[in-house]
Amino acid sequence: MRLHYSLSQLSNNNYQPRLADDRVGYFLTAYQDLSTDDSNDHFMHYVNRWNLEKQDPNAEISPPKKPIVFRLIMPSLLNIVMLLKKGY
């Protein structure tokens, strides 16, 4: 059995999480909500999204204040290279 907890401090802005809709494909985050009395479904599903803000709010297109940065660790990178060599 494996148990993982992840806690994050929420920022004080108007960002609202978006509930997932089963009719549309998204990458999701799900968590079990045991505070409800509904015994049929204790899982809450949220769409993974980022709170991007423009550097220049008046511009039609502007780079973000904080760009999204993805980091790959070496084992993941080696797996990706192997899959690319196989033609996936």
C-alpha atoms as a PDB file:
ATOM      1  CA  MET A   1       0.000   0.000   0.000  1.00  0.00           C
ATOM      2  CA  ARG A   2       1.272   3.463  -0.854  1.00  0.00           C
ATOM      3  CA  LEU A   3      -0.010   6.730   0.614  1.00  0.00           C
ATOM      4  CA  HIS A   4       0.943  10.177  -0.663  1.00  0.00           C
ATOM      5  CA  TYR A   5      -0.055  13.593   0.675  1.00  0.00           C
ATOM      6  CA  SER A   6       0.578  16.828  -1.170  1.00  0.00           C
ATOM      7  CA  LEU A   7      -0.299  20.182   0.387  1.00  0.00           C
ATOM      8  CA  SER A   8      -0.026  23.544  -1.356  1.00  0.00           C
ATOM      9  CA  GLN A   9      -0.690  27.047  -0.184  1.00  0.00           C
ATOM     10  CA  LEU A  10      -3.338  28.779  -2.272  1.00  0.00           C
ATOM     11  CA  SER A  11      -2.590  32.246  -3.587  1.00  0.00           C
ATOM     12  CA  ASN A  12      -4.756  35.247  -2.720  1.00  0.00           C
ATOM     13  CA  ASN A  13      -6.081  36.071  -6.189  1.00  0.00           C
ATOM     14  CA  ASN A  14      -9.279  35.460  -8.150  1.00  0.00           C
ATOM     15  CA  TYR A  15      -8.106  32.151  -9.627  1.00  0.00           C
ATOM     16  CA  GLN A  16     -10.843  29.521  -9.441  1.00  0.00           C
ATOM     17  CA  PRO A  17     -10.387  25.778 -10.023  1.00  0.00           C
ATOM     18  CA  ARG A  18     -12.426  24.317 -12.878  1.00  0.00           C
ATOM     19  CA  LEU A  19     -14.480  21.181 -12.295  1.00  0.00           C
ATOM     20  CA  ALA A  20     -13.979  18.538 -14.977  1.00  0.00           C
ATOM     21  CA  ASP A  21     -16.705  17.618 -17.443  1.00  0.00           C
ATOM     22  CA  ASP A  22     -16.761  13.953 -18.546  1.00  0.00           C
ATOM     23  CA  ARG A  23     -17.912  14.979 -22.046  1.00  0.00           C
ATOM     24  CA  VAL A  24     -14.593  16.723 -22.787  1.00  0.00           C
ATOM     25  CA  GLY A  25     -11.063  15.315 -22.599  1.00  0.00           C
ATOM     26  CA  TYR A  26      -8.730  16.925 -20.070  1.00  0.00           C
ATOM     27  CA  PHE A  27      -5.760  16.018 -17.944  1.00  0.00           C
ATOM     28  CA  LEU A  28      -7.317  15.698 -14.510  1.00  0.00           C
ATOM     29  CA  THR A  29      -6.487  15.815 -10.850  1.00  0.00           C
ATOM     30  CA  ALA A  30      -8.816  13.782  -8.654  1.00  0.00           C
ATOM     31  CA  TYR A  31      -9.128  13.654  -4.919  1.00  0.00           C
ATOM     32  CA  GLN A  32     -11.419  11.862  -2.538  1.00  0.00           C
ATOM     33  CA  ASP A  33     -13.787  14.169  -0.674  1.00  0.00           C
ATOM     34  CA  LEU A  34     -15.131  12.405   2.408  1.00  0.00           C
ATOM     35  CA  SER A  35     -16.879  15.500   3.742  1.00  0.00           C
ATOM     36  CA  THR A  36     -20.034  14.883   1.678  1.00  0.00           C
ATOM     37  CA  ASP A  37     -22.868  12.539   2.588  1.00  0.00           C
ATOM     38  CA  ASP A  38     -23.197  11.276  -0.992  1.00  0.00           C
ATOM     39  CA  SER A  39     -22.009   7.673  -0.711  1.00  0.00           C
ATOM     40  CA  ASN A  40     -22.089   7.119  -4.489  1.00  0.00           C
ATOM     41  CA  ASP A  41     -19.203   9.362  -5.489  1.00  0.00           C
ATOM     42  CA  HIS A  42     -16.630  10.809  -3.110  1.00  0.00           C
ATOM     43  CA  PHE A  43     -14.220  11.820  -5.874  1.00  0.00           C
ATOM     44  CA  MET A  44     -13.821  15.400  -7.070  1.00  0.00           C
ATOM     45  CA  HIS A  45     -12.255  15.871 -10.514  1.00  0.00           C
ATOM     46  CA  TYR A  46     -10.534  19.113 -11.505  1.00  0.00           C
ATOM     47  CA  VAL A  47      -8.986  20.179 -14.797  1.00  0.00           C
ATOM     48  CA  ASN A  48      -5.220  20.717 -14.618  1.00  0.00           C
ATOM     49  CA  ARG A  49      -4.582  24.326 -15.553  1.00  0.00           C
ATOM     50  CA  TRP A  50      -2.239  27.196 -14.837  1.00  0.00           C
ATOM     51  CA  ASN A  51      -2.918  30.737 -13.728  1.00  0.00           C
ATOM     52  CA  LEU A  52      -0.996  32.643 -16.405  1.00  0.00           C
ATOM     53  CA  GLU A  53      -0.973  36.427 -16.186  1.00  0.00           C
ATOM     54  CA  LYS A  54       0.254  38.826 -18.863  1.00  0.00           C
ATOM     55  CA  GLN A  55       3.353  40.942 -18.217  1.00  0.00           C
ATOM     56  CA  ASP A  56       1.553  43.807 -19.973  1.00  0.00           C
ATOM     57  CA  PRO A  57      -2.198  43.572 -19.221  1.00  0.00           C
ATOM     58  CA  ASN A  58      -2.987  46.199 -21.877  1.00  0.00           C
ATOM     59  CA  ALA A  59      -1.304  44.306 -24.724  1.00  0.00           C
ATOM     60  CA  GLU A  60      -3.316  41.922 -26.890  1.00  0.00           C
ATOM     61  CA  ILE A  61      -0.502  39.353 -26.718  1.00  0.00           C
ATOM     62  CA  SER A  62       2.084  39.466 -23.954  1.00  0.00           C
ATOM     63  CA  PRO A  63       4.572  36.988 -22.445  1.00  0.00           C
ATOM     64  CA  PRO A  64       3.532  35.594 -19.059  1.00  0.00           C
ATOM     65  CA  LYS A  65       4.775  37.074 -15.790  1.00  0.00           C
ATOM     66  CA  LYS A  66       5.892  33.601 -14.700  1.00  0.00           C
ATOM     67  CA  PRO A  67       6.414  31.163 -17.593  1.00  0.00           C
ATOM     68  CA  ILE A  68       5.563  27.496 -17.166  1.00  0.00           C
ATOM     69  CA  VAL A  69       8.741  25.440 -16.745  1.00  0.00           C
ATOM     70  CA  PHE A  70       8.826  21.654 -17.045  1.00  0.00           C
ATOM     71  CA  ARG A  71      11.794  19.705 -15.726  1.00  0.00           C
ATOM     72  CA  LEU A  72      12.656  16.187 -16.848  1.00  0.00           C
ATOM     73  CA  ILE A  73      14.815  13.967 -14.700  1.00  0.00           C
ATOM     74  CA  MET A  74      17.395  11.772 -16.422  1.00  0.00           C
ATOM     75  CA  PRO A  75      15.528   8.397 -16.217  1.00  0.00           C
ATOM     76  CA  SER A  76      12.468  10.001 -17.854  1.00  0.00           C
ATOM     77  CA  LEU A  77      14.601  11.574 -20.539  1.00  0.00           C
ATOM     78  CA  LEU A  78      16.277   8.233 -21.315  1.00  0.00           C
ATOM     79  CA  ASN A  79      12.852   6.562 -21.634  1.00  0.00           C
ATOM     80  CA  ILE A  80      11.691   9.283 -24.030  1.00  0.00           C
ATOM     81  CA  VAL A  81      14.819   8.886 -26.184  1.00  0.00           C
ATOM     82  CA  MET A  82      14.308   5.098 -26.265  1.00  0.00           C
ATOM     83  CA  LEU A  83      10.668   5.501 -27.370  1.00  0.00           C
ATOM     84  CA  LEU A  84      11.627   8.020 -30.050  1.00  0.00           C
ATOM     85  CA  LYS A  85      14.248   5.614 -31.431  1.00  0.00           C
ATOM     86  CA  LYS A  86      11.572   2.898 -31.612  1.00  0.00           C
ATOM     87  CA  GLY A  87       9.378   5.250 -33.659  1.00  0.00           C
ATOM     88  CA  TYR A  88       6.675   6.106 -31.124  1.00  0.00           C
END
